[in-house]
PDB file of N, CA and C in Angstrom:
ATOM      1  N   UNK A   1       0.884  -1.238   0.117  1.00  0.00           N
ATOM      2  CA  UNK A   1       0.071   0.230  -0.119  1.00  0.00           C
ATOM      3  C   UNK A   1       1.105   1.043   0.121  1.00  0.00           C
ATOM      4  N   UNK A   2       0.543   2.086  -0.641  1.00  0.00           N
ATOM      5  CA  UNK A   2       1.154   3.691  -0.512  1.00  0.00           C
ATOM      6  C   UNK A   2       1.267   4.226   0.349  1.00  0.00           C
ATOM      7  N   UNK A   3       0.340   4.266   1.556  1.00  0.00           N
ATOM      8  CA  UNK A   3       0.035   5.147   2.819  1.00  0.00           C
ATOM      9  C   UNK A   3      -0.339   3.750   3.994  1.00  0.00           C
ATOM     10  N   UNK A   4       0.115   4.299   4.979  1.00  0.00           N
ATOM     11  CA  UNK A   4      -0.592   3.532   6.206  1.00  0.00           C
ATOM     12  C   UNK A   4      -1.508   3.416   6.005  1.00  0.00           C
ATOM     13  N   UNK A   5      -2.178   2.765   6.922  1.00  0.00           N
ATOM     14  CA  UNK A   5      -3.616   2.903   7.215  1.00  0.00           C
ATOM     15  C   UNK A   5      -4.263   3.877   8.056  1.00  0.00           C
ATOM     16  N   UNK A   6      -3.442   4.200   8.945  1.00  0.00           N
ATOM     17  CA  UNK A   6      -4.204   5.607   9.916  1.00  0.00           C
ATOM     18  C   UNK A   6      -3.742   6.531   8.502  1.00  0.00           C
ATOM     19  N   UNK A   7      -2.922   6.723   7.902  1.00  0.00           N
ATOM     20  CA  UNK A   7      -2.725   7.883   6.801  1.00  0.00           C
ATOM     21  C   UNK A   7      -4.082   8.031   5.840  1.00  0.00           C
ATOM     22  N   UNK A   8      -4.403   6.820   5.348  1.00  0.00           N
ATOM     23  CA  UNK A   8      -5.598   6.371   4.454  1.00  0.00           C
ATOM     24  C   UNK A   8      -6.655   7.149   5.334  1.00  0.00           C
ATOM     25  N   UNK A   9      -6.766   6.849   6.593  1.00  0.00           N
ATOM     26  CA  UNK A   9      -8.192   7.091   7.319  1.00  0.00           C
ATOM     27  C   UNK A   9      -8.697   8.413   7.652  1.00  0.00           C
ATOM     28  N   UNK A  10      -6.864   9.018   7.967  1.00  0.00           N
ATOM     29  CA  UNK A  10      -7.244  10.541   8.008  1.00  0.00           C
ATOM     30  C   UNK A  10      -7.409  11.446   6.785  1.00  0.00           C
ATOM     31  N   UNK A  11      -6.681  10.863   5.472  1.00  0.00           N
ATOM     32  CA  UNK A  11      -7.105  11.406   4.085  1.00  0.00           C
ATOM     33  C   UNK A  11      -8.286  11.561   3.864  1.00  0.00           C
ATOM     34  N   UNK A  12      -9.024  10.304   4.358  1.00  0.00           N
ATOM     35  CA  UNK A  12     -10.483  10.054   3.922  1.00  0.00           C
ATOM     36  C   UNK A  12     -11.446  11.011   4.644  1.00  0.00           C
ATOM     37  N   UNK A  13     -11.048  11.418   5.862  1.00  0.00           N
ATOM     38  CA  UNK A  13     -12.140  12.063   6.864  1.00  0.00           C
ATOM     39  C   UNK A  13     -11.786  13.521   6.469  1.00  0.00           C
ATOM     40  N   UNK A  14     -10.280  14.022   6.456  1.00  0.00           N
ATOM     41  CA  UNK A  14     -10.236  15.330   6.301  1.00  0.00           C
ATOM     42  C   UNK A  14     -10.513  15.889   4.987  1.00  0.00           C
ATOM     43  N   UNK A  15     -10.631  15.195   3.953  1.00  0.00           N
ATOM     44  CA  UNK A  15     -11.201  15.626   2.713  1.00  0.00           C
ATOM     45  C   UNK A  15     -12.449  15.386   2.553  1.00  0.00           C
ATOM     46  N   UNK A  16     -13.153  14.807   3.469  1.00  0.00           N
ATOM     47  CA  UNK A  16     -14.824  15.069   3.473  1.00  0.00           C
ATOM     48  C   UNK A  16     -15.330  16.442   3.809  1.00  0.00           C
ATOM     49  N   UNK A  17     -16.310  16.737   3.040  1.00  0.00           N
ATOM     50  CA  UNK A  17     -16.847  18.333   3.211  1.00  0.00           C
ATOM     51  C   UNK A  17     -16.996  18.479   4.841  1.00  0.00           C
ATOM     52  N   UNK A  18     -17.864  17.631   5.865  1.00  0.00           N
ATOM     53  CA  UNK A  18     -17.746  17.848   7.122  1.00  0.00           C
ATOM     54  C   UNK A  18     -16.779  17.147   7.736  1.00  0.00           C
ATOM     55  N   UNK A  19     -15.781  16.869   7.461  1.00  0.00           N
ATOM     56  CA  UNK A  19     -14.686  16.387   8.347  1.00  0.00           C
ATOM     57  C   UNK A  19     -14.930  15.211   9.210  1.00  0.00           C
ATOM     58  N   UNK A  20     -15.977  14.252   8.831  1.00  0.00           N
ATOM     59  CA  UNK A  20     -16.533  13.508   9.610  1.00  0.00           C
ATOM     60  C   UNK A  20     -17.071  12.048   8.634  1.00  0.00           C
ATOM     61  N   UNK A  21     -16.730  11.021   9.019  1.00  0.00           N
ATOM     62  CA  UNK A  21     -17.385   9.930   7.954  1.00  0.00           C
ATOM     63  C   UNK A  21     -17.824   8.572   9.079  1.00  0.00           C
ATOM     64  N   UNK A  22     -18.784   7.972   8.494  1.00  0.00           N
ATOM     65  CA  UNK A  22     -18.927   6.585   8.817  1.00  0.00           C
ATOM     66  C   UNK A  22     -18.035   5.602   8.596  1.00  0.00           C
ATOM     67  N   UNK A  23     -18.173   4.734   9.243  1.00  0.00           N
ATOM     68  CA  UNK A  23     -16.975   3.372   8.625  1.00  0.00           C
ATOM     69  C   UNK A  23     -17.227   3.112   7.215  1.00  0.00           C
ATOM     70  N   UNK A  24     -18.436   3.009   7.189  1.00  0.00           N
ATOM     71  CA  UNK A  24     -18.958   2.548   5.785  1.00  0.00           C
ATOM     72  C   UNK A  24     -18.531   3.618   4.532  1.00  0.00           C
ATOM     73  N   UNK A  25     -18.811   4.825   4.969  1.00  0.00           N
ATOM     74  CA  UNK A  25     -17.919   5.742   4.027  1.00  0.00           C
ATOM     75  C   UNK A  25     -16.183   5.677   3.982  1.00  0.00           C
ATOM     76  N   UNK A  26     -15.865   5.728   5.062  1.00  0.00           N
ATOM     77  CA  UNK A  26     -14.259   5.267   4.882  1.00  0.00           C
ATOM     78  C   UNK A  26     -13.946   4.265   3.955  1.00  0.00           C
ATOM     79  N   UNK A  27     -14.852   3.046   4.073  1.00  0.00           N
ATOM     80  CA  UNK A  27     -14.296   1.956   3.001  1.00  0.00           C
ATOM     81  C   UNK A  27     -14.318   2.262   1.559  1.00  0.00           C
ATOM     82  N   UNK A  28     -15.496   3.150   1.495  1.00  0.00           N
ATOM     83  CA  UNK A  28     -15.893   3.528   0.075  1.00  0.00           C
ATOM     84  C   UNK A  28     -14.842   4.376  -0.206  1.00  0.00           C
ATOM     85  N   UNK A  29     -14.429   5.170   0.649  1.00  0.00           N
ATOM     86  CA  UNK A  29     -13.058   6.165   0.230  1.00  0.00           C
ATOM     87  C   UNK A  29     -12.156   5.396  -0.113  1.00  0.00           C
ATOM     88  N   UNK A  30     -11.640   4.854   0.687  1.00  0.00           N
ATOM     89  CA  UNK A  30     -10.367   3.826   0.293  1.00  0.00           C
ATOM     90  C   UNK A  30     -10.790   2.918  -0.823  1.00  0.00           C
ATOM     91  N   UNK A  31     -11.706   2.234  -1.029  1.00  0.00           N
ATOM     92  CA  UNK A  31     -11.917   1.501  -2.132  1.00  0.00           C
ATOM     93  C   UNK A  31     -11.906   2.095  -3.375  1.00  0.00           C
ATOM     94  N   UNK A  32     -12.733   3.041  -3.405  1.00  0.00           N
ATOM     95  CA  UNK A  32     -12.534   4.024  -4.648  1.00  0.00           C
ATOM     96  C   UNK A  32     -11.462   4.579  -5.112  1.00  0.00           C
ATOM     97  N   UNK A  33     -10.289   5.175  -4.332  1.00  0.00           N
ATOM     98  CA  UNK A  33      -9.074   5.681  -4.854  1.00  0.00           C
ATOM     99  C   UNK A  33      -8.311   4.420  -4.804  1.00  0.00           C
ATOM    100  N   UNK A  34      -8.176   3.363  -4.498  1.00  0.00           N
ATOM    101  CA  UNK A  34      -7.305   2.147  -4.605  1.00  0.00           C
ATOM    102  C   UNK A  34      -7.775   0.616  -5.049  1.00  0.00           C
ATOM    103  N   UNK A  35      -8.824   0.919  -5.861  1.00  0.00           N
ATOM    104  CA  UNK A  35      -9.397  -0.310  -6.153  1.00  0.00           C
ATOM    105  C   UNK A  35      -8.600  -1.581  -6.342  1.00  0.00           C
ATOM    106  N   UNK A  36      -7.354  -1.144  -6.813  1.00  0.00           N
ATOM    107  CA  UNK A  36      -6.629  -2.329  -7.020  1.00  0.00           C
ATOM    108  C   UNK A  36      -5.809  -3.156  -6.188  1.00  0.00           C
ATOM    109  N   UNK A  37      -5.990  -2.095  -4.671  1.00  0.00           N
ATOM    110  CA  UNK A  37      -5.508  -2.669  -3.591  1.00  0.00           C
ATOM    111  C   UNK A  37      -6.485  -3.190  -2.630  1.00  0.00           C
ATOM    112  N   UNK A  38      -7.663  -2.680  -2.876  1.00  0.00           N
ATOM    113  CA  UNK A  38      -8.811  -2.854  -1.561  1.00  0.00           C
ATOM    114  C   UNK A  38     -10.038  -3.415  -2.389  1.00  0.00           C
ATOM    115  N   UNK A  39     -10.230  -4.582  -2.187  1.00  0.00           N
ATOM    116  CA  UNK A  39     -11.056  -5.084  -3.278  1.00  0.00           C
ATOM    117  C   UNK A  39     -12.641  -5.347  -2.045  1.00  0.00           C
ATOM    118  N   UNK A  40     -13.344  -5.291  -2.610  1.00  0.00           N
ATOM    119  CA  UNK A  40     -14.896  -5.075  -1.556  1.00  0.00           C
ATOM    120  C   UNK A  40     -15.056  -6.455  -0.911  1.00  0.00           C
ATOM    121  N   UNK A  41     -14.940  -7.678  -1.733  1.00  0.00           N
ATOM    122  CA  UNK A  41     -15.035  -8.777  -1.270  1.00  0.00           C
ATOM    123  C   UNK A  41     -13.868  -9.399  -0.194  1.00  0.00           C
ATOM    124  N   UNK A  42     -12.791  -8.610  -0.070  1.00  0.00           N
ATOM    125  CA  UNK A  42     -11.743  -9.032   0.676  1.00  0.00           C
ATOM    126  C   UNK A  42     -11.932  -8.215   1.998  1.00  0.00           C
ATOM    127  N   UNK A  43     -11.887  -9.140   2.986  1.00  0.00           N
ATOM    128  CA  UNK A  43     -12.550  -8.349   4.477  1.00  0.00           C
ATOM    129  C   UNK A  43     -11.327  -7.938   5.473  1.00  0.00           C
ATOM    130  N   UNK A  44      -9.921  -8.354   4.815  1.00  0.00           N
ATOM    131  CA  UNK A  44      -8.930  -8.071   5.817  1.00  0.00           C
ATOM    132  C   UNK A  44      -8.423  -6.863   5.957  1.00  0.00           C
ATOM    133  N   UNK A  45      -8.535  -5.830   4.828  1.00  0.00           N
ATOM    134  CA  UNK A  45      -8.339  -4.368   5.084  1.00  0.00           C
ATOM    135  C   UNK A  45      -9.396  -3.748   5.681  1.00  0.00           C
ATOM    136  N   UNK A  46     -10.432  -4.436   5.668  1.00  0.00           N
ATOM    137  CA  UNK A  46     -11.488  -3.616   6.602  1.00  0.00           C
ATOM    138  C   UNK A  46     -11.073  -3.850   7.799  1.00  0.00           C
ATOM    139  N   UNK A  47     -10.899  -5.172   8.090  1.00  0.00           N
ATOM    140  CA  UNK A  47     -10.339  -5.519   9.676  1.00  0.00           C
ATOM    141  C   UNK A  47      -9.489  -4.454  10.412  1.00  0.00           C
ATOM    142  N   UNK A  48      -8.574  -4.378   9.290  1.00  0.00           N
ATOM    143  CA  UNK A  48      -7.496  -3.318   9.975  1.00  0.00           C
ATOM    144  C   UNK A  48      -7.899  -1.729   9.985  1.00  0.00           C
ATOM    145  N   UNK A  49      -8.583  -1.597   9.117  1.00  0.00           N
ATOM    146  CA  UNK A  49      -9.036   0.084   9.370  1.00  0.00           C
ATOM    147  C   UNK A  49      -9.885  -0.168  10.720  1.00  0.00           C
ATOM    148  N   UNK A  50     -10.789  -0.848  10.954  1.00  0.00           N
ATOM    149  CA  UNK A  50     -11.642  -0.997  11.946  1.00  0.00           C
ATOM    150  C   UNK A  50     -10.424  -1.106  13.411  1.00  0.00           C
ATOM    151  N   UNK A  51      -9.441  -1.506  13.138  1.00  0.00           N
ATOM    152  CA  UNK A  51      -8.398  -1.752  14.178  1.00  0.00           C
ATOM    153  C   UNK A  51      -7.601  -0.568  14.601  1.00  0.00           C
ATOM    154  N   UNK A  52      -7.546   0.222  13.140  1.00  0.00           N
ATOM    155  CA  UNK A  52      -6.592   1.598  13.478  1.00  0.00           C
ATOM    156  C   UNK A  52      -7.406   2.400  14.019  1.00  0.00           C
ATOM    157  N   UNK A  53      -8.610   2.471  13.699  1.00  0.00           N
ATOM    158  CA  UNK A  53      -9.891   3.600  14.454  1.00  0.00           C
ATOM    159  C   UNK A  53     -10.099   3.398  15.668  1.00  0.00           C
ATOM    160  N   UNK A  54      -9.956   2.022  16.480  1.00  0.00           N
ATOM    161  CA  UNK A  54     -10.220   1.926  17.523  1.00  0.00           C
ATOM    162  C   UNK A  54      -9.090   2.243  18.367  1.00  0.00           C
ATOM    163  N   UNK A  55      -7.804   1.741  17.967  1.00  0.00           N
ATOM    164  CA  UNK A  55      -6.572   2.149  18.780  1.00  0.00           C
ATOM    165  C   UNK A  55      -5.434   3.446  18.572  1.00  0.00           C
ATOM    166  N   UNK A  56      -5.999   4.168  17.422  1.00  0.00           N
ATOM    167  CA  UNK A  56      -5.190   5.375  17.318  1.00  0.00           C
ATOM    168  C   UNK A  56      -5.767   6.595  17.856  1.00  0.00           C
ATOM    169  N   UNK A  57      -5.214   7.082  18.521  1.00  0.00           N
ATOM    170  CA  UNK A  57      -5.968   8.208  19.902  1.00  0.00           C
ATOM    171  C   UNK A  57      -6.162   9.419  18.780  1.00  0.00           C
ATOM    172  N   UNK A  58      -5.849   9.278  17.400  1.00  0.00           N
ATOM    173  CA  UNK A  58      -5.988  10.494  16.683  1.00  0.00           C
ATOM    174  C   UNK A  58      -7.296  10.636  16.089  1.00  0.00           C
ATOM    175  N   UNK A  59      -7.946   9.346  16.357  1.00  0.00           N
ATOM    176  CA  UNK A  59      -9.434   9.366  15.503  1.00  0.00           C
ATOM    177  C   UNK A  59     -10.366   9.187  16.886  1.00  0.00           C
ATOM    178  N   UNK A  60     -11.527   9.855  16.702  1.00  0.00           N
ATOM    179  CA  UNK A  60     -12.563  10.163  17.614  1.00  0.00           C
ATOM    180  C   UNK A  60     -13.639   9.857  17.308  1.00  0.00           C
ATOM    181  N   UNK A  61     -14.542   9.027  17.964  1.00  0.00           N
ATOM    182  CA  UNK A  61     -15.907   8.482  17.389  1.00  0.00           C
ATOM    183  C   UNK A  61     -17.073   8.992  18.007  1.00  0.00           C
ATOM    184  N   UNK A  62     -17.888   9.908  16.982  1.00  0.00           N
ATOM    185  CA  UNK A  62     -18.756  10.733  17.465  1.00  0.00           C
ATOM    186  C   UNK A  62     -20.206   9.826  17.123  1.00  0.00           C
ATOM    187  N   UNK A  63     -21.133   9.715  18.189  1.00  0.00           N
ATOM    188  CA  UNK A  63     -22.284   9.155  17.934  1.00  0.00           C
ATOM    189  C   UNK A  63     -23.272   9.803  17.166  1.00  0.00           C
ATOM    190  N   UNK A  64     -23.851   9.125  16.399  1.00  0.00           N
ATOM    191  CA  UNK A  64     -24.993   9.592  15.700  1.00  0.00           C
ATOM    192  C   UNK A  64     -26.265   9.985  16.246  1.00  0.00           C
ATOM    193  N   UNK A  65     -26.720  11.282  16.055  1.00  0.00           N
ATOM    194  CA  UNK A  65     -28.115  11.695  16.744  1.00  0.00           C
ATOM    195  C   UNK A  65     -29.372  11.834  16.047  1.00  0.00           C
ATOM    196  N   UNK A  66     -30.527  11.716  16.237  1.00  0.00           N
ATOM    197  CA  UNK A  66     -31.579  11.686  15.650  1.00  0.00           C
ATOM    198  C   UNK A  66     -31.962  13.150  15.685  1.00  0.00           C
ATOM    199  N   UNK A  67     -32.629  13.960  14.853  1.00  0.00           N
ATOM    200  CA  UNK A  67     -33.307  15.010  14.852  1.00  0.00           C
ATOM    201  C   UNK A  67     -33.813  15.667  15.909  1.00  0.00           C
ATOM    202  N   UNK A  68     -34.001  14.631  16.697  1.00  0.00           N
ATOM    203  CA  UNK A  68     -34.930  15.537  18.295  1.00  0.00           C
ATOM    204  C   UNK A  68     -33.595  15.176  19.101  1.00  0.00           C
ATOM    205  N   UNK A  69     -32.216  14.795  18.785  1.00  0.00           N
ATOM    206  CA  UNK A  69     -31.434  15.025  19.642  1.00  0.00           C
ATOM    207  C   UNK A  69     -31.105  13.696  20.459  1.00  0.00           C
ATOM    208  N   UNK A  70     -31.737  12.707  20.577  1.00  0.00           N
ATOM    209  CA  UNK A  70     -31.750  11.327  20.907  1.00  0.00           C
ATOM    210  C   UNK A  70     -30.668  10.715  20.442  1.00  0.00           C
ATOM    211  N   UNK A  71     -29.873   9.446  21.091  1.00  0.00           N
ATOM    212  CA  UNK A  71     -29.257   9.012  20.372  1.00  0.00           C
ATOM    213  C   UNK A  71     -29.683   8.093  19.014  1.00  0.00           C
ATOM    214  N   UNK A  72     -29.075   7.980  17.966  1.00  0.00           N
ATOM    215  CA  UNK A  72     -29.668   7.646  16.732  1.00  0.00           C
ATOM    216  C   UNK A  72     -29.106   5.818  16.348  1.00  0.00           C
ATOM    217  N   UNK A  73     -29.049   6.223  15.028  1.00  0.00           N
ATOM    218  CA  UNK A  73     -28.704   4.968  14.362  1.00  0.00           C
ATOM    219  C   UNK A  73     -27.412   4.203  14.851  1.00  0.00           C
ATOM    220  N   UNK A  74     -27.375   3.119  14.763  1.00  0.00           N
ATOM    221  CA  UNK A  74     -26.180   2.190  15.213  1.00  0.00           C
ATOM    222  C   UNK A  74     -24.961   2.653  14.738  1.00  0.00           C
ATOM    223  N   UNK A  75     -23.805   2.671  15.522  1.00  0.00           N
ATOM    224  CA  UNK A  75     -22.147   3.428  14.485  1.00  0.00           C
ATOM    225  C   UNK A  75     -22.588   4.999  15.164  1.00  0.00           C
ATOM    226  N   UNK A  76     -21.582   5.278  14.444  1.00  0.00           N
ATOM    227  CA  UNK A  76     -21.381   6.624  14.553  1.00  0.00           C
ATOM    228  C   UNK A  76     -20.477   6.838  13.502  1.00  0.00           C
ATOM    229  N   UNK A  77     -19.712   8.713  13.697  1.00  0.00           N
ATOM    230  CA  UNK A  77     -19.088   9.389  12.642  1.00  0.00           C
ATOM    231  C   UNK A  77     -17.770   9.040  13.243  1.00  0.00           C
ATOM    232  N   UNK A  78     -16.942   8.931  12.797  1.00  0.00           N
ATOM    233  CA  UNK A  78     -15.463   9.163  12.987  1.00  0.00           C
ATOM    234  C   UNK A  78     -14.667  10.381  12.601  1.00  0.00           C
ATOM    235  N   UNK A  79     -14.085  11.087  13.487  1.00  0.00           N
ATOM    236  CA  UNK A  79     -13.086  12.412  12.802  1.00  0.00           C
ATOM    237  C   UNK A  79     -11.868  12.363  13.345  1.00  0.00           C
ATOM    238  N   UNK A  80     -11.078  13.327  12.742  1.00  0.00           N
ATOM    239  CA  UNK A  80      -9.923  13.531  13.171  1.00  0.00           C
ATOM    240  C   UNK A  80      -9.405  14.277  14.810  1.00  0.00           C
ATOM    241  N   UNK A  81      -8.865  13.873  15.594  1.00  0.00           N
ATOM    242  CA  UNK A  81      -8.910  14.456  16.752  1.00  0.00           C
ATOM    243  C   UNK A  81      -7.704  15.466  16.456  1.00  0.00           C
ATOM    244  N   UNK A  82      -7.646  16.597  16.335  1.00  0.00           N
ATOM    245  CA  UNK A  82      -6.238  17.401  16.196  1.00  0.00           C
ATOM    246  C   UNK A  82      -5.394  17.861  17.251  1.00  0.00           C
ATOM    247  N   UNK A  83      -6.233  17.485  18.864  1.00  0.00           N
ATOM    248  CA  UNK A  83      -5.377  17.965  19.809  1.00  0.00           C
ATOM    249  C   UNK A  83      -4.140  16.790  20.196  1.00  0.00           C
TER     250      UNK A  83
END
């Protein structure tokens, strides 16, 4: 791969309009830009992305909320913590 997984994740998030992405959106970003390296039917790279998001302190998970302000849909958004 041309970049580390942490670098790929950060690039994906920081280039998004709201600077936050769901896990699925991160997968799609990586696969769109590097289709020959990361195929949809292979799960190893997806597991590595999840692992990097969970263990790397520069990534922070933000829960999704519904319009009424209560916790909503399963999952959440990932963002880069610049502090």
